[in-house]
């Protein structure tokens, strides 16, 4: 992430923008927010998966792995990125500070649903 932001800081012209939509958890100093976000996200996923008949993430990835030609692509994905989603996703503060360090003069969340956020960075 840091390397990408540094490269973007060199590529984006002054006045240009970068949007980053990702999971950006609340910091550890916001324990109640973190707990609330985790609880509500789990509830939303359960409702979507169970009540609307949508497959959960594990089922989706399992089905994808069974598609012809996907095995090698998924192995390459795992080799490059490993297990992506963990309890230790980069925090919002780290994203913001990294973008500012890369030369973006304004950085702020422009959309948010719990831990899912979209950051707008202006060079």
PDB file of N, CA and C in Angstrom:
ATOM      1  N   UNK A   1       0.824  -1.185   0.000  1.00  0.00           N
ATOM      2  CA  UNK A   1       0.000   0.000   0.000  1.00  0.00           C
ATOM      3  C   UNK A   1       0.873   1.255   0.000  1.00  0.00           C
ATOM      4  N   UNK A   2       1.875   1.284   0.864  1.00  0.00           N
ATOM      5  CA  UNK A   2       2.734   2.469   0.951  1.00  0.00           C
ATOM      6  C   UNK A   2       3.434   2.736  -0.372  1.00  0.00           C
ATOM      7  N   UNK A   3       3.938   1.684  -0.993  1.00  0.00           N
ATOM      8  CA  UNK A   3       4.646   1.832  -2.265  1.00  0.00           C
ATOM      9  C   UNK A   3       3.701   2.341  -3.348  1.00  0.00           C
ATOM     10  N   UNK A   4       2.491   1.830  -3.373  1.00  0.00           N
ATOM     11  CA  UNK A   4       1.498   2.273  -4.368  1.00  0.00           C
ATOM     12  C   UNK A   4       1.197   3.752  -4.175  1.00  0.00           C
ATOM     13  N   UNK A   5       0.990   4.183  -2.938  1.00  0.00           N
ATOM     14  CA  UNK A   5       0.702   5.596  -2.678  1.00  0.00           C
ATOM     15  C   UNK A   5       1.877   6.482  -3.089  1.00  0.00           C
ATOM     16  N   UNK A   6       3.103   6.032  -2.819  1.00  0.00           N
ATOM     17  CA  UNK A   6       4.280   6.808  -3.219  1.00  0.00           C
ATOM     18  C   UNK A   6       4.346   6.935  -4.743  1.00  0.00           C
ATOM     19  N   UNK A   7       4.048   5.843  -5.439  1.00  0.00           N
ATOM     20  CA  UNK A   7       4.055   5.877  -6.901  1.00  0.00           C
ATOM     21  C   UNK A   7       2.949   6.785  -7.425  1.00  0.00           C
ATOM     22  N   UNK A   8       1.783   6.728  -6.802  1.00  0.00           N
ATOM     23  CA  UNK A   8       0.689   7.603  -7.219  1.00  0.00           C
ATOM     24  C   UNK A   8       1.041   9.065  -6.995  1.00  0.00           C
ATOM     25  N   UNK A   9       1.743   9.344  -5.897  1.00  0.00           N
ATOM     26  CA  UNK A   9       2.169  10.709  -5.621  1.00  0.00           C
ATOM     27  C   UNK A   9       3.087  11.259  -6.697  1.00  0.00           C
ATOM     28  N   UNK A  10       3.797  10.389  -7.375  1.00  0.00           N
ATOM     29  CA  UNK A  10       4.681  10.810  -8.463  1.00  0.00           C
ATOM     30  C   UNK A  10       3.946  10.873  -9.803  1.00  0.00           C
ATOM     31  N   UNK A  11       2.935  10.059  -9.971  1.00  0.00           N
ATOM     32  CA  UNK A  11       2.223   9.980 -11.252  1.00  0.00           C
ATOM     33  C   UNK A  11       1.088  10.990 -11.396  1.00  0.00           C
ATOM     34  N   UNK A  12       0.402  11.272 -10.298  1.00  0.00           N
ATOM     35  CA  UNK A  12      -0.770  12.152 -10.357  1.00  0.00           C
ATOM     36  C   UNK A  12      -0.313  13.609 -10.375  1.00  0.00           C
ATOM     37  N   UNK A  13      -0.839  14.366 -11.323  1.00  0.00           N
ATOM     38  CA  UNK A  13      -0.476  15.785 -11.445  1.00  0.00           C
ATOM     39  C   UNK A  13      -1.109  16.607 -10.317  1.00  0.00           C
ATOM     40  N   UNK A  14      -0.543  17.759  -9.986  1.00  0.00           N
ATOM     41  CA  UNK A  14      -1.171  18.645  -9.002  1.00  0.00           C
ATOM     42  C   UNK A  14      -2.625  18.933  -9.397  1.00  0.00           C
ATOM     43  N   UNK A  15      -3.509  18.810  -8.440  1.00  0.00           N
ATOM     44  CA  UNK A  15      -4.939  18.978  -8.683  1.00  0.00           C
ATOM     45  C   UNK A  15      -5.633  17.681  -9.036  1.00  0.00           C
ATOM     46  N   UNK A  16      -4.849  16.646  -9.365  1.00  0.00           N
ATOM     47  CA  UNK A  16      -5.419  15.337  -9.689  1.00  0.00           C
ATOM     48  C   UNK A  16      -5.927  14.636  -8.438  1.00  0.00           C
ATOM     49  N   UNK A  17      -6.734  13.610  -8.636  1.00  0.00           N
ATOM     50  CA  UNK A  17      -7.341  12.911  -7.501  1.00  0.00           C
ATOM     51  C   UNK A  17      -7.075  11.412  -7.559  1.00  0.00           C
ATOM     52  N   UNK A  18      -7.115  10.805  -6.394  1.00  0.00           N
ATOM     53  CA  UNK A  18      -7.066   9.358  -6.239  1.00  0.00           C
ATOM     54  C   UNK A  18      -8.226   8.978  -5.332  1.00  0.00           C
ATOM     55  N   UNK A  19      -8.970   7.959  -5.721  1.00  0.00           N
ATOM     56  CA  UNK A  19     -10.024   7.393  -4.889  1.00  0.00           C
ATOM     57  C   UNK A  19      -9.589   5.996  -4.472  1.00  0.00           C
ATOM     58  N   UNK A  20      -9.742   5.680  -3.207  1.00  0.00           N
ATOM     59  CA  UNK A  20      -9.431   4.340  -2.722  1.00  0.00           C
ATOM     60  C   UNK A  20     -10.599   3.844  -1.885  1.00  0.00           C
ATOM     61  N   UNK A  21     -11.268   2.828  -2.378  1.00  0.00           N
ATOM     62  CA  UNK A  21     -12.343   2.186  -1.622  1.00  0.00           C
ATOM     63  C   UNK A  21     -11.830   0.879  -1.055  1.00  0.00           C
ATOM     64  N   UNK A  22     -11.925   0.721   0.256  1.00  0.00           N
ATOM     65  CA  UNK A  22     -11.361  -0.465   0.882  1.00  0.00           C
ATOM     66  C   UNK A  22     -11.930  -0.615   2.291  1.00  0.00           C
ATOM     67  N   UNK A  23     -11.591  -1.725   2.905  1.00  0.00           N
ATOM     68  CA  UNK A  23     -11.899  -1.919   4.321  1.00  0.00           C
ATOM     69  C   UNK A  23     -10.809  -1.199   5.102  1.00  0.00           C
ATOM     70  N   UNK A  24     -11.219  -0.215   5.899  1.00  0.00           N
ATOM     71  CA  UNK A  24     -10.273   0.566   6.704  1.00  0.00           C
ATOM     72  C   UNK A  24     -10.841   0.636   8.119  1.00  0.00           C
ATOM     73  N   UNK A  25     -10.436  -0.316   8.956  1.00  0.00           N
ATOM     74  CA  UNK A  25     -11.022  -0.424  10.295  1.00  0.00           C
ATOM     75  C   UNK A  25     -10.784   0.801  11.174  1.00  0.00           C
ATOM     76  N   UNK A  26     -11.667   0.945  12.147  1.00  0.00           N
ATOM     77  CA  UNK A  26     -11.473   1.947  13.184  1.00  0.00           C
ATOM     78  C   UNK A  26     -10.222   1.581  13.976  1.00  0.00           C
ATOM     79  N   UNK A  27      -9.548   2.586  14.488  1.00  0.00           N
ATOM     80  CA  UNK A  27      -8.328   2.360  15.261  1.00  0.00           C
ATOM     81  C   UNK A  27      -8.606   1.669  16.585  1.00  0.00           C
ATOM     82  N   UNK A  28      -7.562   1.109  17.204  1.00  0.00           N
ATOM     83  CA  UNK A  28      -7.723   0.383  18.467  1.00  0.00           C
ATOM     84  C   UNK A  28      -8.201   1.262  19.613  1.00  0.00           C
ATOM     85  N   UNK A  29      -8.011   2.573  19.502  1.00  0.00           N
ATOM     86  CA  UNK A  29      -8.482   3.479  20.552  1.00  0.00           C
ATOM     87  C   UNK A  29     -10.008   3.662  20.497  1.00  0.00           C
ATOM     88  N   UNK A  30     -10.635   3.150  19.454  1.00  0.00           N
ATOM     89  CA  UNK A  30     -12.094   3.219  19.303  1.00  0.00           C
ATOM     90  C   UNK A  30     -12.688   1.814  19.427  1.00  0.00           C
ATOM     91  N   UNK A  31     -12.472   1.214  20.574  1.00  0.00           N
ATOM     92  CA  UNK A  31     -12.863  -0.174  20.815  1.00  0.00           C
ATOM     93  C   UNK A  31     -14.355  -0.417  20.595  1.00  0.00           C
ATOM     94  N   UNK A  32     -15.191   0.504  21.065  1.00  0.00           N
ATOM     95  CA  UNK A  32     -16.638   0.335  20.900  1.00  0.00           C
ATOM     96  C   UNK A  32     -17.025   0.426  19.437  1.00  0.00           C
ATOM     97  N   UNK A  33     -16.416   1.341  18.689  1.00  0.00           N
ATOM     98  CA  UNK A  33     -16.692   1.463  17.259  1.00  0.00           C
ATOM     99  C   UNK A  33     -16.289   0.186  16.528  1.00  0.00           C
ATOM    100  N   UNK A  34     -15.128  -0.357  16.887  1.00  0.00           N
ATOM    101  CA  UNK A  34     -14.649  -1.589  16.245  1.00  0.00           C
ATOM    102  C   UNK A  34     -15.615  -2.736  16.507  1.00  0.00           C
ATOM    103  N   UNK A  35     -16.036  -2.882  17.746  1.00  0.00           N
ATOM    104  CA  UNK A  35     -16.947  -3.957  18.128  1.00  0.00           C
ATOM    105  C   UNK A  35     -18.299  -3.785  17.438  1.00  0.00           C
ATOM    106  N   UNK A  36     -18.808  -2.556  17.429  1.00  0.00           N
ATOM    107  CA  UNK A  36     -20.082  -2.272  16.787  1.00  0.00           C
ATOM    108  C   UNK A  36     -20.016  -2.555  15.288  1.00  0.00           C
ATOM    109  N   UNK A  37     -18.943  -2.129  14.663  1.00  0.00           N
ATOM    110  CA  UNK A  37     -18.772  -2.349  13.228  1.00  0.00           C
ATOM    111  C   UNK A  37     -18.734  -3.840  12.908  1.00  0.00           C
ATOM    112  N   UNK A  38     -17.977  -4.590  13.695  1.00  0.00           N
ATOM    113  CA  UNK A  38     -17.870  -6.038  13.466  1.00  0.00           C
ATOM    114  C   UNK A  38     -19.231  -6.714  13.649  1.00  0.00           C
ATOM    115  N   UNK A  39     -19.967  -6.329  14.680  1.00  0.00           N
ATOM    116  CA  UNK A  39     -21.281  -6.925  14.948  1.00  0.00           C
ATOM    117  C   UNK A  39     -22.277  -6.607  13.835  1.00  0.00           C
ATOM    118  N   UNK A  40     -22.335  -5.341  13.416  1.00  0.00           N
ATOM    119  CA  UNK A  40     -23.285  -4.951  12.377  1.00  0.00           C
ATOM    120  C   UNK A  40     -22.917  -5.535  11.015  1.00  0.00           C
ATOM    121  N   UNK A  41     -21.631  -5.608  10.719  1.00  0.00           N
ATOM    122  CA  UNK A  41     -21.196  -6.215   9.461  1.00  0.00           C
ATOM    123  C   UNK A  41     -21.585  -7.686   9.428  1.00  0.00           C
ATOM    124  N   UNK A  42     -21.356  -8.394  10.516  1.00  0.00           N
ATOM    125  CA  UNK A  42     -21.732  -9.813  10.582  1.00  0.00           C
ATOM    126  C   UNK A  42     -23.238  -9.975  10.411  1.00  0.00           C
ATOM    127  N   UNK A  43     -24.008  -9.093  11.017  1.00  0.00           N
ATOM    128  CA  UNK A  43     -25.466  -9.155  10.884  1.00  0.00           C
ATOM    129  C   UNK A  43     -25.898  -8.905   9.440  1.00  0.00           C
ATOM    130  N   UNK A  44     -25.319  -7.886   8.806  1.00  0.00           N
ATOM    131  CA  UNK A  44     -25.647  -7.573   7.412  1.00  0.00           C
ATOM    132  C   UNK A  44     -25.305  -8.743   6.495  1.00  0.00           C
ATOM    133  N   UNK A  45     -24.140  -9.343   6.700  1.00  0.00           N
ATOM    134  CA  UNK A  45     -23.739 -10.474   5.876  1.00  0.00           C
ATOM    135  C   UNK A  45     -24.667 -11.662   6.094  1.00  0.00           C
ATOM    136  N   UNK A  46     -25.000 -11.942   7.335  1.00  0.00           N
ATOM    137  CA  UNK A  46     -25.888 -13.057   7.648  1.00  0.00           C
ATOM    138  C   UNK A  46     -27.246 -12.857   6.981  1.00  0.00           C
ATOM    139  N   UNK A  47     -27.773 -11.627   7.064  1.00  0.00           N
ATOM    140  CA  UNK A  47     -29.065 -11.345   6.427  1.00  0.00           C
ATOM    141  C   UNK A  47     -28.984 -11.517   4.914  1.00  0.00           C
ATOM    142  N   UNK A  48     -27.917 -11.017   4.316  1.00  0.00           N
ATOM    143  CA  UNK A  48     -27.762 -11.137   2.859  1.00  0.00           C
ATOM    144  C   UNK A  48     -27.614 -12.595   2.456  1.00  0.00           C
ATOM    145  N   UNK A  49     -26.796 -13.340   3.191  1.00  0.00           N
ATOM    146  CA  UNK A  49     -26.508 -14.712   2.818  1.00  0.00           C
ATOM    147  C   UNK A  49     -27.696 -15.633   3.086  1.00  0.00           C
ATOM    148  N   UNK A  50     -28.310 -15.497   4.248  1.00  0.00           N
ATOM    149  CA  UNK A  50     -29.365 -16.431   4.635  1.00  0.00           C
ATOM    150  C   UNK A  50     -30.730 -16.025   4.092  1.00  0.00           C
ATOM    151  N   UNK A  51     -31.122 -14.793   4.300  1.00  0.00           N
ATOM    152  CA  UNK A  51     -32.478 -14.373   3.965  1.00  0.00           C
ATOM    153  C   UNK A  51     -32.672 -14.127   2.481  1.00  0.00           C
ATOM    154  N   UNK A  52     -31.636 -13.684   1.787  1.00  0.00           N
ATOM    155  CA  UNK A  52     -31.777 -13.383   0.361  1.00  0.00           C
ATOM    156  C   UNK A  52     -31.237 -14.493  -0.517  1.00  0.00           C
ATOM    157  N   UNK A  53     -30.735 -15.550   0.083  1.00  0.00           N
ATOM    158  CA  UNK A  53     -30.237 -16.675  -0.682  1.00  0.00           C
ATOM    159  C   UNK A  53     -28.939 -16.407  -1.418  1.00  0.00           C
ATOM    160  N   UNK A  54     -28.176 -15.426  -0.949  1.00  0.00           N
ATOM    161  CA  UNK A  54     -26.889 -15.100  -1.551  1.00  0.00           C
ATOM    162  C   UNK A  54     -25.835 -15.982  -0.889  1.00  0.00           C
ATOM    163  N   UNK A  55     -24.921 -16.537  -1.697  1.00  0.00           N
ATOM    164  CA  UNK A  55     -23.888 -17.378  -1.110  1.00  0.00           C
ATOM    165  C   UNK A  55     -22.902 -16.531  -0.303  1.00  0.00           C
ATOM    166  N   UNK A  56     -22.363 -17.120   0.776  1.00  0.00           N
ATOM    167  CA  UNK A  56     -21.390 -16.386   1.585  1.00  0.00           C
ATOM    168  C   UNK A  56     -20.039 -16.382   0.875  1.00  0.00           C
ATOM    169  N   UNK A  57     -19.076 -15.595   1.430  1.00  0.00           N
ATOM    170  CA  UNK A  57     -17.779 -15.429   0.779  1.00  0.00           C
ATOM    171  C   UNK A  57     -17.048 -16.751   0.615  1.00  0.00           C
ATOM    172  N   UNK A  58     -17.064 -17.584   1.645  1.00  0.00           N
ATOM    173  CA  UNK A  58     -16.362 -18.866   1.552  1.00  0.00           C
ATOM    174  C   UNK A  58     -16.956 -19.726   0.444  1.00  0.00           C
ATOM    175  N   UNK A  59     -18.279 -19.766   0.349  1.00  0.00           N
ATOM    176  CA  UNK A  59     -18.938 -20.538  -0.714  1.00  0.00           C
ATOM    177  C   UNK A  59     -18.605 -19.968  -2.083  1.00  0.00           C
ATOM    178  N   UNK A  60     -18.564 -18.634  -2.184  1.00  0.00           N
ATOM    179  CA  UNK A  60     -18.261 -17.988  -3.459  1.00  0.00           C
ATOM    180  C   UNK A  60     -16.857 -18.355  -3.928  1.00  0.00           C
ATOM    181  N   UNK A  61     -15.868 -18.237  -3.025  1.00  0.00           N
ATOM    182  CA  UNK A  61     -14.488 -18.571  -3.382  1.00  0.00           C
ATOM    183  C   UNK A  61     -14.351 -20.059  -3.689  1.00  0.00           C
ATOM    184  N   UNK A  62     -15.071 -20.903  -2.955  1.00  0.00           N
ATOM    185  CA  UNK A  62     -15.026 -22.346  -3.229  1.00  0.00           C
ATOM    186  C   UNK A  62     -15.582 -22.636  -4.613  1.00  0.00           C
ATOM    187  N   UNK A  63     -16.711 -22.039  -4.955  1.00  0.00           N
ATOM    188  CA  UNK A  63     -17.305 -22.241  -6.283  1.00  0.00           C
ATOM    189  C   UNK A  63     -16.365 -21.737  -7.379  1.00  0.00           C
ATOM    190  N   UNK A  64     -15.725 -20.603  -7.139  1.00  0.00           N
ATOM    191  CA  UNK A  64     -14.792 -20.059  -8.120  1.00  0.00           C
ATOM    192  C   UNK A  64     -13.613 -21.009  -8.328  1.00  0.00           C
ATOM    193  N   UNK A  65     -13.132 -21.593  -7.250  1.00  0.00           N
ATOM    194  CA  UNK A  65     -11.986 -22.506  -7.357  1.00  0.00           C
ATOM    195  C   UNK A  65     -12.328 -23.765  -8.144  1.00  0.00           C
ATOM    196  N   UNK A  66     -13.595 -24.097  -8.239  1.00  0.00           N
ATOM    197  CA  UNK A  66     -14.027 -25.282  -8.972  1.00  0.00           C
ATOM    198  C   UNK A  66     -14.291 -25.005 -10.449  1.00  0.00           C
ATOM    199  N   UNK A  67     -14.222 -23.735 -10.836  1.00  0.00           N
ATOM    200  CA  UNK A  67     -14.414 -23.372 -12.244  1.00  0.00           C
ATOM    201  C   UNK A  67     -13.190 -23.776 -13.063  1.00  0.00           C
ATOM    202  N   UNK A  68     -13.421 -24.286 -14.288  1.00  0.00           N
ATOM    203  CA  UNK A  68     -12.282 -24.658 -15.143  1.00  0.00           C
ATOM    204  C   UNK A  68     -11.358 -23.461 -15.378  1.00  0.00           C
ATOM    205  N   UNK A  69     -10.057 -23.711 -15.253  1.00  0.00           N
ATOM    206  CA  UNK A  69      -9.066 -22.682 -15.534  1.00  0.00           C
ATOM    207  C   UNK A  69      -8.791 -21.721 -14.393  1.00  0.00           C
ATOM    208  N   UNK A  70      -9.489 -21.842 -13.294  1.00  0.00           N
ATOM    209  CA  UNK A  70      -9.305 -20.888 -12.198  1.00  0.00           C
ATOM    210  C   UNK A  70      -8.251 -21.322 -11.189  1.00  0.00           C
ATOM    211  N   UNK A  71      -7.943 -22.611 -11.143  1.00  0.00           N
ATOM    212  CA  UNK A  71      -7.020 -23.114 -10.131  1.00  0.00           C
ATOM    213  C   UNK A  71      -5.680 -22.378 -10.169  1.00  0.00           C
ATOM    214  N   UNK A  72      -5.074 -22.292 -11.364  1.00  0.00           N
ATOM    215  CA  UNK A  72      -3.773 -21.653 -11.485  1.00  0.00           C
ATOM    216  C   UNK A  72      -3.850 -20.158 -11.145  1.00  0.00           C
ATOM    217  N   UNK A  73      -4.927 -19.512 -11.571  1.00  0.00           N
ATOM    218  CA  UNK A  73      -5.072 -18.081 -11.276  1.00  0.00           C
ATOM    219  C   UNK A  73      -5.206 -17.834  -9.776  1.00  0.00           C
ATOM    220  N   UNK A  74      -5.966 -18.673  -9.100  1.00  0.00           N
ATOM    221  CA  UNK A  74      -6.138 -18.507  -7.650  1.00  0.00           C
ATOM    222  C   UNK A  74      -4.849 -18.827  -6.900  1.00  0.00           C
ATOM    223  N   UNK A  75      -4.101 -19.805  -7.391  1.00  0.00           N
ATOM    224  CA  UNK A  75      -2.804 -20.095  -6.765  1.00  0.00           C
ATOM    225  C   UNK A  75      -1.861 -18.911  -6.915  1.00  0.00           C
ATOM    226  N   UNK A  76      -1.874 -18.284  -8.082  1.00  0.00           N
ATOM    227  CA  UNK A  76      -1.039 -17.102  -8.297  1.00  0.00           C
ATOM    228  C   UNK A  76      -1.478 -15.951  -7.401  1.00  0.00           C
ATOM    229  N   UNK A  77      -2.778 -15.772  -7.260  1.00  0.00           N
ATOM    230  CA  UNK A  77      -3.309 -14.735  -6.365  1.00  0.00           C
ATOM    231  C   UNK A  77      -2.814 -14.976  -4.937  1.00  0.00           C
ATOM    232  N   UNK A  78      -2.921 -16.219  -4.472  1.00  0.00           N
ATOM    233  CA  UNK A  78      -2.463 -16.545  -3.125  1.00  0.00           C
ATOM    234  C   UNK A  78      -0.960 -16.331  -2.978  1.00  0.00           C
ATOM    235  N   UNK A  79      -0.197 -16.693  -4.022  1.00  0.00           N
ATOM    236  CA  UNK A  79       1.250 -16.502  -3.971  1.00  0.00           C
ATOM    237  C   UNK A  79       1.600 -15.024  -3.849  1.00  0.00           C
ATOM    238  N   UNK A  80       0.900 -14.194  -4.611  1.00  0.00           N
ATOM    239  CA  UNK A  80       1.214 -12.763  -4.612  1.00  0.00           C
ATOM    240  C   UNK A  80       0.715 -12.031  -3.373  1.00  0.00           C
ATOM    241  N   UNK A  81      -0.479 -12.373  -2.944  1.00  0.00           N
ATOM    242  CA  UNK A  81      -1.111 -11.567  -1.903  1.00  0.00           C
ATOM    243  C   UNK A  81      -1.327 -12.300  -0.590  1.00  0.00           C
ATOM    244  N   UNK A  82      -1.242 -13.601  -0.568  1.00  0.00           N
ATOM    245  CA  UNK A  82      -1.482 -14.353   0.655  1.00  0.00           C
ATOM    246  C   UNK A  82      -2.905 -14.142   1.150  1.00  0.00           C
ATOM    247  N   UNK A  83      -3.086 -14.350   2.412  1.00  0.00           N
ATOM    248  CA  UNK A  83      -4.403 -14.126   3.013  1.00  0.00           C
ATOM    249  C   UNK A  83      -4.581 -12.634   3.198  1.00  0.00           C
ATOM    250  N   UNK A  84      -5.505 -12.049   2.448  1.00  0.00           N
ATOM    251  CA  UNK A  84      -5.627 -10.598   2.401  1.00  0.00           C
ATOM    252  C   UNK A  84      -6.387 -10.022   3.586  1.00  0.00           C
ATOM    253  N   UNK A  85      -7.516 -10.569   3.909  1.00  0.00           N
ATOM    254  CA  UNK A  85      -8.361  -9.957   4.927  1.00  0.00           C
ATOM    255  C   UNK A  85      -8.090 -10.581   6.288  1.00  0.00           C
ATOM    256  N   UNK A  86      -7.608  -9.747   7.183  1.00  0.00           N
ATOM    257  CA  UNK A  86      -7.274 -10.195   8.531  1.00  0.00           C
ATOM    258  C   UNK A  86      -7.761  -9.148   9.520  1.00  0.00           C
ATOM    259  N   UNK A  87      -7.513  -9.406  10.742  1.00  0.00           N
ATOM    260  CA  UNK A  87      -7.824  -8.427  11.791  1.00  0.00           C
ATOM    261  C   UNK A  87      -6.883  -7.233  11.715  1.00  0.00           C
ATOM    262  N   UNK A  88      -5.846  -7.331  10.884  1.00  0.00           N
ATOM    263  CA  UNK A  88      -4.813  -6.314  10.871  1.00  0.00           C
ATOM    264  C   UNK A  88      -4.784  -5.530   9.564  1.00  0.00           C
ATOM    265  N   UNK A  89      -5.947  -5.290   8.983  1.00  0.00           N
ATOM    266  CA  UNK A  89      -6.030  -4.440   7.799  1.00  0.00           C
ATOM    267  C   UNK A  89      -5.477  -3.066   8.158  1.00  0.00           C
ATOM    268  N   UNK A  90      -4.844  -2.395   7.191  1.00  0.00           N
ATOM    269  CA  UNK A  90      -4.348  -1.040   7.480  1.00  0.00           C
ATOM    270  C   UNK A  90      -5.483  -0.121   7.941  1.00  0.00           C
ATOM    271  N   UNK A  91      -5.240   0.596   9.006  1.00  0.00           N
ATOM    272  CA  UNK A  91      -6.240   1.493   9.568  1.00  0.00           C
ATOM    273  C   UNK A  91      -6.401   2.737   8.708  1.00  0.00           C
ATOM    274  N   UNK A  92      -7.539   3.379   8.851  1.00  0.00           N
ATOM    275  CA  UNK A  92      -7.816   4.620   8.136  1.00  0.00           C
ATOM    276  C   UNK A  92      -6.686   5.630   8.340  1.00  0.00           C
ATOM    277  N   UNK A  93      -6.214   5.764   9.560  1.00  0.00           N
ATOM    278  CA  UNK A  93      -5.158   6.734   9.853  1.00  0.00           C
ATOM    279  C   UNK A  93      -3.886   6.441   9.054  1.00  0.00           C
ATOM    280  N   UNK A  94      -3.568   5.168   8.872  1.00  0.00           N
ATOM    281  CA  UNK A  94      -2.381   4.806   8.103  1.00  0.00           C
ATOM    282  C   UNK A  94      -2.559   5.157   6.628  1.00  0.00           C
ATOM    283  N   UNK A  95      -3.751   4.885   6.070  1.00  0.00           N
ATOM    284  CA  UNK A  95      -4.031   5.256   4.681  1.00  0.00           C
ATOM    285  C   UNK A  95      -3.892   6.776   4.507  1.00  0.00           C
ATOM    286  N   UNK A  96      -4.529   7.525   5.385  1.00  0.00           N
ATOM    287  CA  UNK A  96      -4.504   8.990   5.277  1.00  0.00           C
ATOM    288  C   UNK A  96      -3.091   9.537   5.391  1.00  0.00           C
ATOM    289  N   UNK A  97      -2.355   9.101   6.389  1.00  0.00           N
ATOM    290  CA  UNK A  97      -0.989   9.587   6.590  1.00  0.00           C
ATOM    291  C   UNK A  97      -0.096   9.195   5.418  1.00  0.00           C
ATOM    292  N   UNK A  98      -0.272   8.005   4.891  1.00  0.00           N
ATOM    293  CA  UNK A  98       0.553   7.551   3.769  1.00  0.00           C
ATOM    294  C   UNK A  98       0.288   8.375   2.518  1.00  0.00           C
ATOM    295  N   UNK A  99      -0.963   8.705   2.276  1.00  0.00           N
ATOM    296  CA  UNK A  99      -1.295   9.545   1.125  1.00  0.00           C
ATOM    297  C   UNK A  99      -0.720  10.951   1.294  1.00  0.00           C
ATOM    298  N   UNK A 100      -0.815  11.489   2.493  1.00  0.00           N
ATOM    299  CA  UNK A 100      -0.247  12.815   2.737  1.00  0.00           C
ATOM    300  C   UNK A 100       1.266  12.793   2.588  1.00  0.00           C
ATOM    301  N   UNK A 101       1.906  11.759   3.085  1.00  0.00           N
ATOM    302  CA  UNK A 101       3.356  11.628   2.926  1.00  0.00           C
ATOM    303  C   UNK A 101       3.755  11.511   1.460  1.00  0.00           C
ATOM    304  N   UNK A 102       2.850  10.986   0.639  1.00  0.00           N
ATOM    305  CA  UNK A 102       3.118  10.813  -0.792  1.00  0.00           C
ATOM    306  C   UNK A 102       2.877  12.097  -1.581  1.00  0.00           C
ATOM    307  N   UNK A 103       2.447  13.172  -0.898  1.00  0.00           N
ATOM    308  CA  UNK A 103       2.286  14.459  -1.563  1.00  0.00           C
ATOM    309  C   UNK A 103       0.857  14.888  -1.839  1.00  0.00           C
ATOM    310  N   UNK A 104      -0.107  14.162  -1.315  1.00  0.00           N
ATOM    311  CA  UNK A 104      -1.502  14.567  -1.487  1.00  0.00           C
ATOM    312  C   UNK A 104      -1.854  15.565  -0.388  1.00  0.00           C
ATOM    313  N   UNK A 105      -2.335  16.757  -0.796  1.00  0.00           N
ATOM    314  CA  UNK A 105      -2.526  17.856   0.157  1.00  0.00           C
ATOM    315  C   UNK A 105      -3.828  17.752   0.939  1.00  0.00           C
ATOM    316  N   UNK A 106      -4.836  17.112   0.362  1.00  0.00           N
ATOM    317  CA  UNK A 106      -6.112  16.925   1.061  1.00  0.00           C
ATOM    318  C   UNK A 106      -6.496  15.457   0.964  1.00  0.00           C
ATOM    319  N   UNK A 107      -6.840  14.865   2.105  1.00  0.00           N
ATOM    320  CA  UNK A 107      -7.241  13.458   2.150  1.00  0.00           C
ATOM    321  C   UNK A 107      -8.390  13.348   3.142  1.00  0.00           C
ATOM    322  N   UNK A 108      -9.498  12.786   2.669  1.00  0.00           N
ATOM    323  CA  UNK A 108     -10.638  12.640   3.582  1.00  0.00           C
ATOM    324  C   UNK A 108     -11.574  11.540   3.083  1.00  0.00           C
ATOM    325  N   UNK A 109     -12.325  10.967   4.014  1.00  0.00           N
ATOM    326  CA  UNK A 109     -13.358   9.979   3.689  1.00  0.00           C
ATOM    327  C   UNK A 109     -14.525  10.713   3.052  1.00  0.00           C
ATOM    328  N   UNK A 110     -14.978  10.228   1.881  1.00  0.00           N
ATOM    329  CA  UNK A 110     -16.137  10.844   1.232  1.00  0.00           C
ATOM    330  C   UNK A 110     -17.349   9.929   1.252  1.00  0.00           C
ATOM    331  N   UNK A 111     -17.168   8.670   1.640  1.00  0.00           N
ATOM    332  CA  UNK A 111     -18.281   7.727   1.808  1.00  0.00           C
ATOM    333  C   UNK A 111     -17.847   6.688   2.812  1.00  0.00           C
ATOM    334  N   UNK A 112     -18.808   6.239   3.628  1.00  0.00           N
ATOM    335  CA  UNK A 112     -18.474   5.232   4.634  1.00  0.00           C
ATOM    336  C   UNK A 112     -19.711   4.439   5.006  1.00  0.00           C
ATOM    337  N   UNK A 113     -19.518   3.136   5.164  1.00  0.00           N
ATOM    338  CA  UNK A 113     -20.503   2.247   5.755  1.00  0.00           C
ATOM    339  C   UNK A 113     -19.729   1.336   6.704  1.00  0.00           C
ATOM    340  N   UNK A 114     -19.756   1.686   7.981  1.00  0.00           N
ATOM    341  CA  UNK A 114     -18.978   0.991   8.993  1.00  0.00           C
ATOM    342  C   UNK A 114     -17.494   1.058   8.627  1.00  0.00           C
ATOM    343  N   UNK A 115     -16.823  -0.102   8.435  1.00  0.00           N
ATOM    344  CA  UNK A 115     -15.393  -0.108   8.101  1.00  0.00           C
ATOM    345  C   UNK A 115     -15.123   0.061   6.610  1.00  0.00           C
ATOM    346  N   UNK A 116     -16.140  -0.023   5.796  1.00  0.00           N
ATOM    347  CA  UNK A 116     -15.971   0.179   4.353  1.00  0.00           C
ATOM    348  C   UNK A 116     -15.979   1.680   4.086  1.00  0.00           C
ATOM    349  N   UNK A 117     -14.916   2.155   3.445  1.00  0.00           N
ATOM    350  CA  UNK A 117     -14.789   3.592   3.238  1.00  0.00           C
ATOM    351  C   UNK A 117     -14.236   3.874   1.844  1.00  0.00           C
ATOM    352  N   UNK A 118     -14.502   5.076   1.378  1.00  0.00           N
ATOM    353  CA  UNK A 118     -13.871   5.581   0.173  1.00  0.00           C
ATOM    354  C   UNK A 118     -13.126   6.848   0.575  1.00  0.00           C
ATOM    355  N   UNK A 119     -11.818   6.833   0.317  1.00  0.00           N
ATOM    356  CA  UNK A 119     -10.976   7.999   0.570  1.00  0.00           C
ATOM    357  C   UNK A 119     -10.771   8.762  -0.721  1.00  0.00           C
ATOM    358  N   UNK A 120     -10.853  10.075  -0.631  1.00  0.00           N
ATOM    359  CA  UNK A 120     -10.529  10.955  -1.741  1.00  0.00           C
ATOM    360  C   UNK A 120      -9.245  11.687  -1.371  1.00  0.00           C
ATOM    361  N   UNK A 121      -8.243  11.585  -2.235  1.00  0.00           N
ATOM    362  CA  UNK A 121      -6.977  12.274  -2.018  1.00  0.00           C
ATOM    363  C   UNK A 121      -6.741  13.218  -3.195  1.00  0.00           C
ATOM    364  N   UNK A 122      -6.466  14.473  -2.889  1.00  0.00           N
ATOM    365  CA  UNK A 122      -6.216  15.484  -3.920  1.00  0.00           C
ATOM    366  C   UNK A 122      -4.752  15.866  -3.866  1.00  0.00           C
ATOM    367  N   UNK A 123      -4.099  15.788  -5.009  1.00  0.00           N
ATOM    368  CA  UNK A 123      -2.648  16.078  -5.097  1.00  0.00           C
ATOM    369  C   UNK A 123      -2.429  17.568  -5.153  1.00  0.00           C
TER     370      UNK A 123
END
